[in-house]
């Protein structure tokens, strides 16, 4: 998972993932979306591939890339664990506040 986190830390790599999320694209088309050299994009693609976030398919001399959703599954679970904890704490705080309000209402009704 560390390699995937390091891979997506770079903004261009995140943009590459967005580009290839739904569509398989050749390296040249991916590179055309950026103002850096094609070798730089090739390096980004290599990092994403080594991290298991994209896969490469060869079609003759072309290299086609697409995202590997299963490669992102571990990252997604990691990030969702933060939300799950936060949502649990929010639920607990809301329930405690509701209980406090119910007690206050009961106290007023008795007086």
N, C-alpha and C. Protein backbone atom coordinates (compact mmCIF):
# COMPACT_ATOMS: atom_id res chain seq x y z
N UNK A 1 0.82 -1.19 0.00
CA UNK A 1 0.00 0.00 0.00
C UNK A 1 0.87 1.26 0.00
N UNK A 2 2.05 1.21 0.59
CA UNK A 2 2.92 2.38 0.61
C UNK A 2 3.28 2.85 -0.79
N UNK A 3 3.54 1.90 -1.69
CA UNK A 3 3.88 2.28 -3.07
C UNK A 3 2.70 2.98 -3.74
N UNK A 4 1.49 2.52 -3.47
CA UNK A 4 0.31 3.15 -4.06
C UNK A 4 0.11 4.55 -3.49
N UNK A 5 0.31 4.72 -2.18
CA UNK A 5 0.19 6.05 -1.58
C UNK A 5 1.22 7.01 -2.16
N UNK A 6 2.44 6.53 -2.30
CA UNK A 6 3.48 7.38 -2.89
C UNK A 6 3.16 7.70 -4.34
N UNK A 7 2.59 6.75 -5.05
CA UNK A 7 2.26 6.97 -6.47
C UNK A 7 1.20 8.05 -6.62
N UNK A 8 0.18 8.00 -5.81
CA UNK A 8 -0.91 8.99 -5.97
C UNK A 8 -0.60 10.32 -5.30
N UNK A 9 0.54 10.41 -4.61
CA UNK A 9 0.92 11.68 -3.99
C UNK A 9 1.24 12.74 -5.06
N UNK A 10 1.61 12.31 -6.23
CA UNK A 10 1.98 13.23 -7.31
C UNK A 10 0.73 13.59 -8.12
N UNK A 11 0.43 14.88 -8.26
CA UNK A 11 -0.81 15.30 -8.95
C UNK A 11 -0.95 14.78 -10.38
N UNK A 12 0.12 14.71 -11.14
CA UNK A 12 0.01 14.21 -12.52
C UNK A 12 -0.42 12.74 -12.54
N UNK A 13 0.06 11.99 -11.58
CA UNK A 13 -0.32 10.57 -11.54
C UNK A 13 -1.79 10.42 -11.19
N UNK A 14 -2.28 11.26 -10.32
CA UNK A 14 -3.73 11.22 -10.02
C UNK A 14 -4.53 11.56 -11.26
N UNK A 15 -4.07 12.54 -12.03
CA UNK A 15 -4.76 12.91 -13.26
C UNK A 15 -4.69 11.77 -14.29
N UNK A 16 -3.56 11.11 -14.37
CA UNK A 16 -3.45 9.95 -15.27
C UNK A 16 -4.46 8.89 -14.87
N UNK A 17 -4.58 8.62 -13.57
CA UNK A 17 -5.58 7.64 -13.11
C UNK A 17 -6.99 8.05 -13.53
N UNK A 18 -7.30 9.34 -13.43
CA UNK A 18 -8.63 9.81 -13.87
C UNK A 18 -8.83 9.56 -15.35
N UNK A 19 -7.78 9.81 -16.14
CA UNK A 19 -7.89 9.63 -17.59
C UNK A 19 -8.14 8.18 -17.97
N UNK A 20 -7.50 7.27 -17.28
CA UNK A 20 -7.59 5.85 -17.66
C UNK A 20 -8.57 5.07 -16.79
N UNK A 21 -9.35 5.77 -15.97
CA UNK A 21 -10.28 5.08 -15.09
C UNK A 21 -11.34 4.33 -15.88
N UNK A 22 -11.94 4.97 -16.85
CA UNK A 22 -13.02 4.35 -17.62
C UNK A 22 -12.59 3.90 -19.01
N UNK A 23 -11.48 4.44 -19.49
CA UNK A 23 -11.06 4.15 -20.86
C UNK A 23 -9.61 3.68 -20.90
N UNK A 24 -9.38 2.69 -21.71
CA UNK A 24 -8.01 2.27 -21.99
C UNK A 24 -7.45 3.26 -23.01
N UNK A 25 -6.29 3.83 -22.71
CA UNK A 25 -5.71 4.84 -23.59
C UNK A 25 -4.26 4.52 -23.91
N UNK A 26 -3.85 4.87 -25.13
CA UNK A 26 -2.42 4.72 -25.46
C UNK A 26 -1.60 5.79 -24.77
N UNK A 27 -0.34 5.49 -24.56
CA UNK A 27 0.55 6.40 -23.85
C UNK A 27 0.60 7.78 -24.52
N UNK A 28 0.58 7.82 -25.83
CA UNK A 28 0.63 9.10 -26.54
C UNK A 28 -0.57 9.99 -26.25
N UNK A 29 -1.74 9.39 -26.18
CA UNK A 29 -2.95 10.16 -25.87
C UNK A 29 -2.88 10.67 -24.43
N UNK A 30 -2.41 9.84 -23.53
CA UNK A 30 -2.25 10.26 -22.13
C UNK A 30 -1.28 11.45 -22.08
N UNK A 31 -0.16 11.31 -22.75
CA UNK A 31 0.86 12.37 -22.74
C UNK A 31 0.33 13.68 -23.33
N UNK A 32 -0.59 13.60 -24.28
CA UNK A 32 -1.11 14.82 -24.92
C UNK A 32 -1.90 15.70 -23.96
N UNK A 33 -2.28 15.17 -22.82
CA UNK A 33 -3.03 15.94 -21.82
C UNK A 33 -2.12 16.74 -20.89
N UNK A 34 -0.82 16.61 -21.05
CA UNK A 34 0.12 17.23 -20.12
C UNK A 34 1.16 18.06 -20.87
N UNK A 35 1.70 19.03 -20.17
CA UNK A 35 2.71 19.90 -20.77
C UNK A 35 4.12 19.47 -20.34
N UNK A 36 4.31 18.19 -20.16
CA UNK A 36 5.64 17.65 -19.87
C UNK A 36 6.00 16.68 -20.99
N UNK A 37 7.22 16.23 -20.98
CA UNK A 37 7.68 15.36 -22.05
C UNK A 37 7.03 13.97 -21.98
N UNK A 38 7.01 13.31 -23.11
CA UNK A 38 6.48 11.94 -23.14
C UNK A 38 7.30 11.01 -22.25
N UNK A 39 8.64 11.14 -22.22
CA UNK A 39 9.39 10.29 -21.28
C UNK A 39 8.98 10.52 -19.82
N UNK A 40 8.62 11.75 -19.47
CA UNK A 40 8.18 12.02 -18.10
C UNK A 40 6.86 11.29 -17.82
N UNK A 41 5.95 11.32 -18.80
CA UNK A 41 4.68 10.60 -18.64
C UNK A 41 4.93 9.11 -18.58
N UNK A 42 5.85 8.61 -19.38
CA UNK A 42 6.20 7.18 -19.33
C UNK A 42 6.70 6.80 -17.94
N UNK A 43 7.48 7.68 -17.32
CA UNK A 43 7.96 7.41 -15.97
C UNK A 43 6.80 7.37 -14.98
N UNK A 44 5.87 8.30 -15.11
CA UNK A 44 4.70 8.30 -14.23
C UNK A 44 3.89 7.02 -14.42
N UNK A 45 3.72 6.61 -15.67
CA UNK A 45 2.99 5.37 -15.95
C UNK A 45 3.70 4.16 -15.34
N UNK A 46 5.01 4.17 -15.41
CA UNK A 46 5.80 3.07 -14.83
C UNK A 46 5.58 3.01 -13.31
N UNK A 47 5.60 4.15 -12.65
CA UNK A 47 5.39 4.19 -11.19
C UNK A 47 3.99 3.67 -10.86
N UNK A 48 2.98 4.12 -11.61
CA UNK A 48 1.61 3.66 -11.37
C UNK A 48 1.49 2.16 -11.61
N UNK A 49 2.15 1.68 -12.64
CA UNK A 49 2.11 0.24 -12.95
C UNK A 49 2.79 -0.57 -11.85
N UNK A 50 3.95 -0.13 -11.39
CA UNK A 50 4.67 -0.84 -10.33
C UNK A 50 3.89 -0.83 -9.02
N UNK A 51 3.09 0.20 -8.81
CA UNK A 51 2.27 0.29 -7.60
C UNK A 51 0.99 -0.53 -7.73
N UNK A 52 0.75 -1.11 -8.91
CA UNK A 52 -0.44 -1.94 -9.13
C UNK A 52 -1.70 -1.14 -9.40
N UNK A 53 -1.55 0.14 -9.77
CA UNK A 53 -2.71 0.99 -9.99
C UNK A 53 -3.17 1.05 -11.44
N UNK A 54 -2.26 0.76 -12.37
CA UNK A 54 -2.63 0.67 -13.78
C UNK A 54 -2.04 -0.60 -14.36
N UNK A 55 -2.64 -1.03 -15.45
CA UNK A 55 -2.07 -2.17 -16.17
C UNK A 55 -1.81 -1.76 -17.60
N UNK A 56 -0.86 -2.44 -18.19
CA UNK A 56 -0.43 -2.13 -19.55
C UNK A 56 -0.75 -3.31 -20.45
N UNK A 57 -1.26 -3.01 -21.64
CA UNK A 57 -1.51 -4.03 -22.65
C UNK A 57 -0.86 -3.56 -23.93
N UNK A 58 -0.19 -4.48 -24.58
CA UNK A 58 0.46 -4.12 -25.85
C UNK A 58 -0.42 -4.53 -27.02
N UNK A 59 -0.50 -3.62 -27.95
CA UNK A 59 -1.25 -3.85 -29.19
C UNK A 59 -0.32 -3.44 -30.32
N UNK A 60 0.45 -4.41 -30.82
CA UNK A 60 1.49 -4.10 -31.80
C UNK A 60 2.57 -3.28 -31.12
N UNK A 61 2.82 -2.10 -31.64
CA UNK A 61 3.85 -1.24 -31.05
C UNK A 61 3.27 -0.27 -30.01
N UNK A 62 1.96 -0.26 -29.91
CA UNK A 62 1.32 0.65 -28.95
C UNK A 62 1.22 0.00 -27.57
N UNK A 63 1.32 0.85 -26.57
CA UNK A 63 1.09 0.42 -25.19
C UNK A 63 -0.17 1.11 -24.72
N UNK A 64 -1.12 0.32 -24.27
CA UNK A 64 -2.40 0.83 -23.81
C UNK A 64 -2.47 0.67 -22.29
N UNK A 65 -3.01 1.68 -21.65
CA UNK A 65 -3.07 1.69 -20.19
C UNK A 65 -4.50 1.87 -19.71
N UNK A 66 -4.80 1.20 -18.62
CA UNK A 66 -6.09 1.39 -17.96
C UNK A 66 -5.90 1.18 -16.47
N UNK A 67 -6.80 1.79 -15.70
CA UNK A 67 -6.72 1.69 -14.25
C UNK A 67 -7.08 0.29 -13.80
N UNK A 68 -6.52 -0.12 -12.70
CA UNK A 68 -6.85 -1.39 -12.06
C UNK A 68 -7.65 -1.09 -10.80
N UNK A 69 -8.98 -1.14 -10.88
CA UNK A 69 -9.79 -0.85 -9.68
C UNK A 69 -9.39 -1.70 -8.49
N UNK A 70 -9.02 -2.94 -8.74
CA UNK A 70 -8.62 -3.80 -7.62
C UNK A 70 -7.33 -3.30 -6.98
N UNK A 71 -6.51 -2.60 -7.75
CA UNK A 71 -5.30 -2.02 -7.20
C UNK A 71 -5.60 -0.87 -6.26
N UNK A 72 -6.73 -0.22 -6.49
CA UNK A 72 -7.14 0.89 -5.63
C UNK A 72 -7.96 0.42 -4.44
N UNK A 73 -8.38 -0.83 -4.42
CA UNK A 73 -9.25 -1.33 -3.36
C UNK A 73 -8.61 -1.19 -1.98
N UNK A 74 -7.34 -1.52 -1.86
CA UNK A 74 -6.67 -1.42 -0.56
C UNK A 74 -6.58 0.04 -0.11
N UNK A 75 -6.26 0.93 -1.05
CA UNK A 75 -6.23 2.35 -0.72
C UNK A 75 -7.60 2.85 -0.29
N UNK A 76 -8.60 2.42 -1.01
CA UNK A 76 -9.97 2.85 -0.70
C UNK A 76 -10.36 2.39 0.72
N UNK A 77 -10.05 1.14 1.03
CA UNK A 77 -10.36 0.62 2.36
C UNK A 77 -9.61 1.41 3.44
N UNK A 78 -8.37 1.75 3.16
CA UNK A 78 -7.57 2.53 4.10
C UNK A 78 -8.22 3.89 4.36
N UNK A 79 -8.59 4.60 3.30
CA UNK A 79 -9.20 5.92 3.47
C UNK A 79 -10.60 5.82 4.07
N UNK A 80 -11.35 4.80 3.70
CA UNK A 80 -12.69 4.64 4.27
C UNK A 80 -12.64 4.36 5.76
N UNK A 81 -11.56 3.77 6.24
CA UNK A 81 -11.46 3.51 7.67
C UNK A 81 -11.46 4.81 8.46
N UNK A 82 -10.94 5.88 7.89
CA UNK A 82 -10.99 7.18 8.56
C UNK A 82 -12.42 7.68 8.64
N UNK A 83 -13.16 7.53 7.54
CA UNK A 83 -14.54 7.99 7.53
C UNK A 83 -15.39 7.15 8.46
N UNK A 84 -15.19 5.84 8.48
CA UNK A 84 -15.97 4.98 9.37
C UNK A 84 -15.81 5.41 10.82
N UNK A 85 -14.56 5.66 11.24
CA UNK A 85 -14.31 6.10 12.61
C UNK A 85 -14.98 7.44 12.87
N UNK A 86 -14.87 8.35 11.93
CA UNK A 86 -15.48 9.67 12.11
C UNK A 86 -16.99 9.57 12.18
N UNK A 87 -17.57 8.75 11.34
CA UNK A 87 -19.02 8.59 11.35
C UNK A 87 -19.49 7.94 12.65
N UNK A 88 -18.73 6.99 13.17
CA UNK A 88 -19.08 6.37 14.45
C UNK A 88 -19.04 7.40 15.57
N UNK A 89 -18.00 8.23 15.58
CA UNK A 89 -17.90 9.27 16.62
C UNK A 89 -19.03 10.29 16.48
N UNK A 90 -19.37 10.64 15.25
CA UNK A 90 -20.47 11.58 15.03
C UNK A 90 -21.79 10.99 15.53
N UNK A 91 -22.02 9.71 15.22
CA UNK A 91 -23.25 9.04 15.67
C UNK A 91 -23.30 9.03 17.20
N UNK A 92 -22.19 8.67 17.83
CA UNK A 92 -22.14 8.62 19.29
C UNK A 92 -22.41 10.00 19.89
N UNK A 93 -21.83 11.04 19.31
CA UNK A 93 -22.05 12.40 19.81
C UNK A 93 -23.51 12.81 19.63
N UNK A 94 -24.10 12.46 18.50
CA UNK A 94 -25.51 12.80 18.26
C UNK A 94 -26.41 12.06 19.23
N UNK A 95 -26.12 10.80 19.49
CA UNK A 95 -26.93 10.03 20.44
C UNK A 95 -26.78 10.58 21.86
N UNK A 96 -25.56 10.98 22.23
CA UNK A 96 -25.34 11.55 23.57
C UNK A 96 -26.08 12.88 23.70
N UNK A 97 -26.06 13.70 22.65
CA UNK A 97 -26.77 14.98 22.68
C UNK A 97 -28.28 14.75 22.77
N UNK A 98 -28.79 13.78 22.04
CA UNK A 98 -30.22 13.48 22.09
C UNK A 98 -30.61 13.00 23.49
N UNK A 99 -29.79 12.18 24.09
CA UNK A 99 -30.05 11.70 25.45
C UNK A 99 -30.04 12.86 26.45
N UNK A 100 -29.09 13.79 26.30
CA UNK A 100 -29.03 14.96 27.17
C UNK A 100 -30.28 15.80 27.01
N UNK A 101 -30.72 16.01 25.78
CA UNK A 101 -31.93 16.80 25.54
C UNK A 101 -33.16 16.12 26.14
N UNK A 102 -33.24 14.80 26.03
CA UNK A 102 -34.36 14.05 26.61
C UNK A 102 -34.37 14.19 28.14
N UNK A 103 -33.20 14.12 28.77
CA UNK A 103 -33.11 14.28 30.22
C UNK A 103 -33.55 15.69 30.64
N UNK A 104 -33.09 16.69 29.90
CA UNK A 104 -33.47 18.08 30.21
C UNK A 104 -34.98 18.27 30.07
N UNK A 105 -35.58 17.68 29.04
CA UNK A 105 -37.02 17.80 28.84
C UNK A 105 -37.76 17.10 29.98
N UNK A 106 -37.28 15.95 30.42
CA UNK A 106 -37.90 15.23 31.54
C UNK A 106 -37.80 16.04 32.82
N UNK A 107 -36.65 16.67 33.04
CA UNK A 107 -36.47 17.50 34.24
C UNK A 107 -37.44 18.68 34.22
N UNK A 108 -37.64 19.31 33.08
CA UNK A 108 -38.57 20.44 32.99
C UNK A 108 -40.01 19.99 33.22
N UNK A 109 -40.36 18.81 32.69
CA UNK A 109 -41.70 18.29 32.86
C UNK A 109 -42.02 18.01 34.34
N UNK A 110 -41.03 17.59 35.12
CA UNK A 110 -41.20 17.29 36.54
C UNK A 110 -41.36 18.56 37.36
N UNK A 111 -40.82 19.64 36.90
CA UNK A 111 -40.86 20.89 37.69
C UNK A 111 -42.08 21.65 37.39
